[in-house]
């Protein structure tokens, strides 16, 4: 196909050939399951801010996080719930002496 495209001084035959090969490959693997290597939940800006605070001080309370970030208590509660559900953070210890474990280091 490359020779034909060169002979005609056009890329059309080569593009047709490549598209046909892509179609054949897609049809061959259409029934195969592709593993999801990307986390289902990537932290958003507010979640990253919470993660940064918890990485610096894992003993922060929900109220302290809300105060430092200027968010509502219920907003922080929702963010923490999302991060826990995603497995990014875990609460460790009893109610009085608990702290957060961040399993995904925050990026800047």
Protein backbone atom coordinates (compact mmCIF):
# COMPACT_ATOMS: atom_id res chain seq x y z
CA UNK A 1 0.00 0.00 0.00
CA UNK A 2 2.86 2.39 0.68
CA UNK A 3 4.21 1.75 -2.83
CA UNK A 4 0.75 2.36 -4.34
CA UNK A 5 0.37 5.59 -2.40
CA UNK A 6 3.84 6.71 -3.53
CA UNK A 7 3.11 5.77 -7.15
CA UNK A 8 -0.10 7.80 -7.12
CA UNK A 9 1.44 10.60 -5.05
CA UNK A 10 -1.61 10.36 -2.82
CA UNK A 11 -2.07 9.15 0.73
CA UNK A 12 -5.60 7.82 0.10
CA UNK A 13 -4.68 4.17 -0.63
CA UNK A 14 -2.42 4.00 2.43
CA UNK A 15 -5.08 5.58 4.67
CA UNK A 16 -7.68 3.10 3.35
CA UNK A 17 -5.29 0.23 4.09
CA UNK A 18 -4.55 1.45 7.63
CA UNK A 19 -8.22 2.04 8.43
CA UNK A 20 -9.00 -1.48 7.21
CA UNK A 21 -6.28 -2.92 9.46
CA UNK A 22 -7.59 -0.94 12.44
CA UNK A 23 -11.12 -2.19 11.76
CA UNK A 24 -9.91 -5.80 11.53
CA UNK A 25 -8.02 -5.48 14.81
CA UNK A 26 -10.98 -3.88 16.59
CA UNK A 27 -13.29 -6.62 15.35
CA UNK A 28 -10.87 -9.30 16.60
CA UNK A 29 -10.70 -7.85 20.12
CA UNK A 30 -14.28 -6.59 20.34
CA UNK A 31 -15.31 -9.37 22.71
CA UNK A 32 -12.21 -9.19 24.90
CA UNK A 33 -12.48 -7.40 28.21
CA UNK A 34 -9.93 -4.66 28.67
CA UNK A 35 -8.88 -4.24 32.30
CA UNK A 36 -9.60 -0.87 33.87
CA UNK A 37 -6.21 0.38 35.01
CA UNK A 38 -7.46 3.89 35.69
CA UNK A 39 -9.06 4.45 39.08
CA UNK A 40 -12.80 4.92 38.92
CA UNK A 41 -12.50 8.03 41.00
CA UNK A 42 -9.85 10.64 40.51
CA UNK A 43 -9.86 13.31 43.24
CA UNK A 44 -11.18 16.71 42.21
CA UNK A 45 -9.74 20.06 43.35
CA UNK A 46 -11.58 20.14 46.70
CA UNK A 47 -10.71 16.52 47.42
CA UNK A 48 -7.05 17.21 46.62
CA UNK A 49 -7.09 20.14 49.06
CA UNK A 50 -8.51 17.87 51.77
CA UNK A 51 -5.90 15.21 50.97
CA UNK A 52 -3.13 17.79 51.24
CA UNK A 53 -4.35 18.90 54.66
CA UNK A 54 -4.66 15.30 55.87
CA UNK A 55 -1.20 14.43 54.55
CA UNK A 56 0.24 17.32 56.58
CA UNK A 57 -1.89 16.69 59.68
CA UNK A 58 -3.71 13.34 59.80
CA UNK A 59 -5.43 14.20 63.11
CA UNK A 60 -7.53 17.05 61.68
CA UNK A 61 -11.23 16.93 62.40
CA UNK A 62 -13.95 17.51 59.83
CA UNK A 63 -14.66 20.92 61.38
CA UNK A 64 -11.00 21.94 61.24
CA UNK A 65 -10.80 20.93 57.60
CA UNK A 66 -13.95 22.92 56.81
CA UNK A 67 -12.57 25.98 58.59
CA UNK A 68 -9.17 25.83 56.86
CA UNK A 69 -10.65 25.37 53.40
CA UNK A 70 -13.65 27.65 53.80
CA UNK A 71 -16.06 24.79 53.10
CA UNK A 72 -19.22 23.75 54.88
CA UNK A 73 -19.11 20.91 57.37
CA UNK A 74 -21.54 18.90 55.24
CA UNK A 75 -19.38 19.57 52.16
CA UNK A 76 -16.30 18.20 53.92
CA UNK A 77 -18.36 15.24 55.18
CA UNK A 78 -19.30 14.41 51.58
CA UNK A 79 -15.70 14.79 50.38
CA UNK A 80 -14.42 12.52 53.15
CA UNK A 81 -17.11 9.95 52.34
CA UNK A 82 -16.10 9.98 48.66
CA UNK A 83 -12.42 9.60 49.51
CA UNK A 84 -13.18 6.75 51.92
CA UNK A 85 -15.40 5.00 49.35
CA UNK A 86 -12.61 5.29 46.79
CA UNK A 87 -10.14 3.74 49.23
CA UNK A 88 -7.92 6.80 49.16
CA UNK A 89 -8.25 7.51 52.89
CA UNK A 90 -8.96 5.35 55.91
CA UNK A 91 -9.90 6.44 59.43
CA UNK A 92 -7.82 4.65 62.05
CA UNK A 93 -8.24 4.47 65.82
CA UNK A 94 -10.99 5.28 68.28
CA UNK A 95 -13.20 8.36 68.16
CA UNK A 96 -11.00 10.39 70.53
CA UNK A 97 -7.60 9.34 69.21
CA UNK A 98 -8.33 8.65 65.56
CA UNK A 99 -6.34 9.83 62.57
CA UNK A 100 -6.46 9.59 58.79
CA UNK A 101 -4.27 7.37 56.66
CA UNK A 102 -3.84 8.72 53.14
CA UNK A 103 -3.06 5.87 50.76
CA UNK A 104 -2.70 8.07 47.71
CA UNK A 105 -0.13 10.85 48.12
CA UNK A 106 -1.50 14.20 47.00
CA UNK A 107 0.08 15.73 43.91
CA UNK A 108 0.76 19.41 43.56
